[in-house]
């Protein structure tokens, strides 16, 4: 699954470049939430063709939010705290949307 590969690559890059700064609670919580998202997406993703067009949204948007949490310094226009807040909002809201799809649609 592509989301797991992208998440693992992002975590490895982050640990490689910022190892001393990465032993923080926010990073570990983000990794755990992304792992939970990838497991639930991989286990409960639908097989029908009608919802297959939405699948790239369920992969790319959470990884972009995850990258915003892990690497907020890449956004030069906004402060790091705001970039992280947008990343948390995106990851949590997409997790809730996935949960709603799992419970009520798929």
N, C-alpha and C. Protein backbone atom coordinates (compact mmCIF):
# COMPACT_ATOMS: atom_id res chain seq x y z
N UNK A 1 0.83 -1.17 0.00
CA UNK A 1 0.00 0.00 0.00
C UNK A 1 0.89 1.24 0.00
N UNK A 2 0.53 2.17 -0.84
CA UNK A 2 1.37 3.34 -1.08
C UNK A 2 1.41 4.28 0.12
N UNK A 3 0.32 4.39 0.89
CA UNK A 3 0.30 5.28 2.04
C UNK A 3 1.28 4.83 3.11
N UNK A 4 1.40 3.54 3.30
CA UNK A 4 2.34 3.02 4.30
C UNK A 4 3.77 3.30 3.85
N UNK A 5 4.07 3.09 2.58
CA UNK A 5 5.42 3.32 2.07
C UNK A 5 5.79 4.80 2.20
N UNK A 6 4.87 5.69 1.83
CA UNK A 6 5.15 7.12 1.93
C UNK A 6 5.33 7.53 3.38
N UNK A 7 4.50 7.02 4.28
CA UNK A 7 4.62 7.36 5.70
C UNK A 7 5.94 6.87 6.28
N UNK A 8 6.35 5.67 5.92
CA UNK A 8 7.62 5.13 6.43
C UNK A 8 8.80 5.95 5.89
N UNK A 9 8.74 6.32 4.63
CA UNK A 9 9.81 7.13 4.05
C UNK A 9 9.88 8.50 4.74
N UNK A 10 8.74 9.12 5.01
CA UNK A 10 8.73 10.40 5.71
C UNK A 10 9.30 10.28 7.12
N UNK A 11 8.95 9.23 7.81
CA UNK A 11 9.47 9.02 9.17
C UNK A 11 10.98 8.78 9.14
N UNK A 12 11.45 7.97 8.20
CA UNK A 12 12.89 7.71 8.11
C UNK A 12 13.67 8.97 7.75
N UNK A 13 13.15 9.77 6.85
CA UNK A 13 13.82 11.03 6.51
C UNK A 13 13.85 11.96 7.72
N UNK A 14 12.75 12.02 8.43
CA UNK A 14 12.70 12.86 9.63
C UNK A 14 13.66 12.40 10.70
N UNK A 15 13.73 11.10 10.94
CA UNK A 15 14.67 10.58 11.92
C UNK A 15 16.12 10.79 11.49
N UNK A 16 16.38 10.72 10.21
CA UNK A 16 17.73 10.89 9.73
C UNK A 16 18.22 12.33 9.91
N UNK A 17 17.38 13.29 9.58
CA UNK A 17 17.81 14.68 9.63
C UNK A 17 17.59 15.35 10.98
N UNK A 18 16.59 14.93 11.74
CA UNK A 18 16.24 15.61 12.99
C UNK A 18 16.11 14.62 14.14
N UNK A 19 17.06 13.74 14.32
CA UNK A 19 16.90 12.67 15.31
C UNK A 19 16.81 13.22 16.73
N UNK A 20 17.61 14.21 17.07
CA UNK A 20 17.61 14.70 18.45
C UNK A 20 16.34 15.47 18.77
N UNK A 21 15.71 16.09 17.78
CA UNK A 21 14.50 16.85 18.02
C UNK A 21 13.24 16.00 17.91
N UNK A 22 13.34 14.79 17.46
CA UNK A 22 12.16 13.99 17.15
C UNK A 22 11.65 13.14 18.30
N UNK A 23 12.31 13.19 19.42
CA UNK A 23 11.79 12.43 20.54
C UNK A 23 10.80 13.33 21.28
N UNK A 24 9.71 13.62 20.64
CA UNK A 24 8.67 14.47 21.20
C UNK A 24 7.35 13.72 21.14
N UNK A 25 6.45 14.13 22.01
CA UNK A 25 5.17 13.46 22.09
C UNK A 25 4.33 13.69 20.83
N UNK A 26 4.39 14.87 20.25
CA UNK A 26 3.58 15.18 19.07
C UNK A 26 3.98 14.32 17.89
N UNK A 27 5.26 14.05 17.75
CA UNK A 27 5.73 13.22 16.63
C UNK A 27 5.29 11.78 16.82
N UNK A 28 5.41 11.27 18.02
CA UNK A 28 5.00 9.89 18.28
C UNK A 28 3.49 9.71 18.13
N UNK A 29 2.71 10.70 18.56
CA UNK A 29 1.26 10.62 18.40
C UNK A 29 0.89 10.68 16.92
N UNK A 30 1.58 11.54 16.15
CA UNK A 30 1.30 11.63 14.71
C UNK A 30 1.64 10.32 14.01
N UNK A 31 2.74 9.71 14.38
CA UNK A 31 3.12 8.42 13.78
C UNK A 31 2.09 7.35 14.13
N UNK A 32 1.64 7.33 15.39
CA UNK A 32 0.64 6.33 15.79
C UNK A 32 -0.69 6.56 15.08
N UNK A 33 -1.11 7.81 14.94
CA UNK A 33 -2.37 8.09 14.25
C UNK A 33 -2.27 7.73 12.77
N UNK A 34 -1.14 8.02 12.15
CA UNK A 34 -0.98 7.67 10.74
C UNK A 34 -0.92 6.14 10.56
N UNK A 35 -0.30 5.46 11.49
CA UNK A 35 -0.28 3.99 11.44
C UNK A 35 -1.69 3.42 11.59
N UNK A 36 -2.45 3.96 12.51
CA UNK A 36 -3.83 3.53 12.69
C UNK A 36 -4.66 3.82 11.45
N UNK A 37 -4.44 4.98 10.84
CA UNK A 37 -5.15 5.33 9.62
C UNK A 37 -4.81 4.35 8.50
N UNK A 38 -3.53 4.06 8.32
CA UNK A 38 -3.12 3.16 7.24
C UNK A 38 -3.66 1.74 7.44
N UNK A 39 -3.66 1.27 8.68
CA UNK A 39 -4.18 -0.07 8.95
C UNK A 39 -5.68 -0.13 8.70
N UNK A 40 -6.41 0.88 9.18
CA UNK A 40 -7.85 0.85 8.96
C UNK A 40 -8.21 1.06 7.49
N UNK A 41 -7.45 1.89 6.79
CA UNK A 41 -7.70 2.08 5.36
C UNK A 41 -7.38 0.82 4.57
N UNK A 42 -6.29 0.17 4.91
CA UNK A 42 -5.91 -1.05 4.20
C UNK A 42 -6.84 -2.21 4.47
N UNK A 43 -7.36 -2.29 5.67
CA UNK A 43 -8.22 -3.42 6.02
C UNK A 43 -9.65 -3.24 5.54
N UNK A 44 -10.16 -2.01 5.57
CA UNK A 44 -11.56 -1.78 5.26
C UNK A 44 -11.81 -1.10 3.93
N UNK A 45 -10.81 -0.95 3.08
CA UNK A 45 -11.04 -0.26 1.81
C UNK A 45 -11.95 -1.10 0.92
N UNK A 46 -12.83 -0.44 0.17
CA UNK A 46 -13.82 -1.18 -0.62
C UNK A 46 -13.20 -1.76 -1.88
N UNK A 47 -13.89 -2.75 -2.44
CA UNK A 47 -13.42 -3.40 -3.65
C UNK A 47 -14.24 -3.02 -4.88
N UNK A 48 -15.35 -2.31 -4.69
CA UNK A 48 -16.19 -1.99 -5.85
C UNK A 48 -15.61 -0.82 -6.64
N UNK A 49 -15.96 -0.76 -7.89
CA UNK A 49 -15.40 0.24 -8.79
C UNK A 49 -15.99 1.63 -8.60
N UNK A 50 -17.15 1.71 -7.99
CA UNK A 50 -17.80 3.02 -7.83
C UNK A 50 -17.03 3.92 -6.88
N UNK A 51 -16.41 3.35 -5.86
CA UNK A 51 -15.69 4.17 -4.89
C UNK A 51 -14.18 4.16 -5.14
N UNK A 52 -13.72 3.47 -6.15
CA UNK A 52 -12.29 3.43 -6.44
C UNK A 52 -11.75 4.78 -6.90
N UNK A 53 -12.62 5.64 -7.44
CA UNK A 53 -12.15 6.95 -7.87
C UNK A 53 -11.78 7.85 -6.70
N UNK A 54 -12.36 7.60 -5.53
CA UNK A 54 -12.05 8.40 -4.34
C UNK A 54 -10.80 7.94 -3.62
N UNK A 55 -10.27 6.81 -3.97
CA UNK A 55 -9.16 6.22 -3.23
C UNK A 55 -7.89 7.08 -3.20
N UNK A 56 -7.50 7.76 -4.29
CA UNK A 56 -6.30 8.61 -4.17
C UNK A 56 -6.46 9.73 -3.15
N UNK A 57 -7.68 10.21 -2.95
CA UNK A 57 -7.89 11.23 -1.92
C UNK A 57 -7.64 10.68 -0.52
N UNK A 58 -8.00 9.43 -0.32
CA UNK A 58 -7.79 8.81 0.99
C UNK A 58 -6.33 8.42 1.22
N UNK A 59 -5.48 8.57 0.21
CA UNK A 59 -4.06 8.27 0.36
C UNK A 59 -3.23 9.54 0.42
N UNK A 60 -3.45 10.45 -0.52
CA UNK A 60 -2.57 11.61 -0.64
C UNK A 60 -2.87 12.69 0.40
N UNK A 61 -4.11 12.92 0.72
CA UNK A 61 -4.42 13.97 1.70
C UNK A 61 -3.90 13.65 3.10
N UNK A 62 -4.04 12.42 3.62
CA UNK A 62 -3.46 12.15 4.93
C UNK A 62 -1.94 12.20 4.94
N UNK A 63 -1.31 11.79 3.84
CA UNK A 63 0.16 11.86 3.83
C UNK A 63 0.63 13.31 3.74
N UNK A 64 -0.12 14.18 3.07
CA UNK A 64 0.25 15.60 3.05
C UNK A 64 0.07 16.21 4.44
N UNK A 65 -0.98 15.83 5.13
CA UNK A 65 -1.18 16.32 6.50
C UNK A 65 -0.11 15.78 7.43
N UNK A 66 0.26 14.54 7.25
CA UNK A 66 1.31 13.92 8.05
C UNK A 66 2.65 14.62 7.81
N UNK A 67 2.93 14.95 6.57
CA UNK A 67 4.16 15.67 6.26
C UNK A 67 4.14 17.08 6.85
N UNK A 68 2.99 17.72 6.90
CA UNK A 68 2.89 19.05 7.51
C UNK A 68 3.14 18.99 9.01
N UNK A 69 2.77 17.89 9.64
CA UNK A 69 3.04 17.74 11.07
C UNK A 69 4.52 17.48 11.31
N UNK A 70 5.10 16.61 10.50
CA UNK A 70 6.49 16.23 10.72
C UNK A 70 7.49 17.29 10.26
N UNK A 71 7.18 17.99 9.18
CA UNK A 71 8.11 18.97 8.61
C UNK A 71 7.43 20.32 8.44
N UNK A 72 7.11 21.02 9.52
CA UNK A 72 6.42 22.31 9.38
C UNK A 72 7.33 23.43 8.88
N UNK A 73 8.62 23.23 8.92
CA UNK A 73 9.56 24.27 8.51
C UNK A 73 9.61 24.44 7.00
N UNK A 74 9.05 23.52 6.23
CA UNK A 74 9.07 23.65 4.77
C UNK A 74 8.07 24.69 4.26
N UNK A 75 7.07 25.02 5.04
CA UNK A 75 6.13 26.05 4.66
C UNK A 75 6.71 27.39 5.10
N UNK A 76 7.20 28.17 4.18
CA UNK A 76 7.86 29.43 4.50
C UNK A 76 6.88 30.56 4.78
N UNK A 77 5.64 30.45 4.32
CA UNK A 77 4.70 31.56 4.43
C UNK A 77 3.99 31.63 5.78
N UNK A 78 3.87 30.51 6.47
CA UNK A 78 3.17 30.47 7.75
C UNK A 78 4.13 30.03 8.85
N UNK A 79 3.86 30.42 10.09
CA UNK A 79 4.67 29.93 11.21
C UNK A 79 4.51 28.42 11.37
N UNK A 80 5.48 27.82 12.03
CA UNK A 80 5.49 26.36 12.17
C UNK A 80 4.30 25.85 12.97
N UNK A 81 3.89 26.56 14.00
CA UNK A 81 2.75 26.12 14.82
C UNK A 81 1.46 26.09 14.01
N UNK A 82 1.27 27.05 13.14
CA UNK A 82 0.05 27.08 12.32
C UNK A 82 0.08 25.96 11.29
N UNK A 83 1.26 25.70 10.70
CA UNK A 83 1.38 24.61 9.75
C UNK A 83 1.10 23.28 10.42
N UNK A 84 1.62 23.09 11.64
CA UNK A 84 1.33 21.86 12.37
C UNK A 84 -0.14 21.77 12.73
N UNK A 85 -0.77 22.89 13.08
CA UNK A 85 -2.20 22.86 13.40
C UNK A 85 -3.02 22.47 12.19
N UNK A 86 -2.67 22.99 11.01
CA UNK A 86 -3.36 22.57 9.79
C UNK A 86 -3.13 21.09 9.50
N UNK A 87 -1.93 20.60 9.75
CA UNK A 87 -1.65 19.19 9.56
C UNK A 87 -2.46 18.31 10.50
N UNK A 88 -2.54 18.71 11.78
CA UNK A 88 -3.35 17.95 12.74
C UNK A 88 -4.82 17.98 12.37
N UNK A 89 -5.30 19.15 11.96
CA UNK A 89 -6.70 19.25 11.55
C UNK A 89 -6.99 18.34 10.37
N UNK A 90 -6.10 18.33 9.39
CA UNK A 90 -6.29 17.48 8.21
C UNK A 90 -6.26 16.01 8.54
N UNK A 91 -5.29 15.60 9.35
CA UNK A 91 -5.15 14.17 9.67
C UNK A 91 -6.31 13.68 10.53
N UNK A 92 -6.72 14.47 11.51
CA UNK A 92 -7.82 14.05 12.37
C UNK A 92 -9.14 14.06 11.61
N UNK A 93 -9.37 15.10 10.82
CA UNK A 93 -10.65 15.15 10.08
C UNK A 93 -10.73 14.06 9.03
N UNK A 94 -9.63 13.76 8.35
CA UNK A 94 -9.65 12.67 7.37
C UNK A 94 -9.82 11.31 8.05
N UNK A 95 -9.28 11.16 9.25
CA UNK A 95 -9.50 9.92 9.99
C UNK A 95 -10.96 9.77 10.37
N UNK A 96 -11.59 10.87 10.75
CA UNK A 96 -13.02 10.82 11.08
C UNK A 96 -13.86 10.54 9.84
N UNK A 97 -13.50 11.14 8.71
CA UNK A 97 -14.23 10.87 7.46
C UNK A 97 -14.08 9.41 7.06
N UNK A 98 -12.86 8.86 7.19
CA UNK A 98 -12.66 7.45 6.89
C UNK A 98 -13.48 6.57 7.82
N UNK A 99 -13.55 6.94 9.09
CA UNK A 99 -14.35 6.17 10.04
C UNK A 99 -15.83 6.21 9.66
N UNK A 100 -16.31 7.35 9.23
CA UNK A 100 -17.72 7.46 8.81
C UNK A 100 -17.98 6.62 7.56
N UNK A 101 -17.04 6.61 6.62
CA UNK A 101 -17.19 5.77 5.44
C UNK A 101 -17.19 4.30 5.81
N UNK A 102 -16.32 3.91 6.73
CA UNK A 102 -16.26 2.51 7.14
C UNK A 102 -17.56 2.09 7.83
N UNK A 103 -18.08 2.93 8.69
CA UNK A 103 -19.27 2.56 9.45
C UNK A 103 -20.55 2.62 8.64
N UNK A 104 -20.70 3.61 7.77
CA UNK A 104 -21.99 3.84 7.16
C UNK A 104 -22.05 3.60 5.66
N UNK A 105 -20.96 3.67 4.93
CA UNK A 105 -21.01 3.57 3.48
C UNK A 105 -20.50 2.22 2.98
N UNK A 106 -19.34 1.80 3.45
CA UNK A 106 -18.74 0.58 2.92
C UNK A 106 -19.29 -0.58 3.68
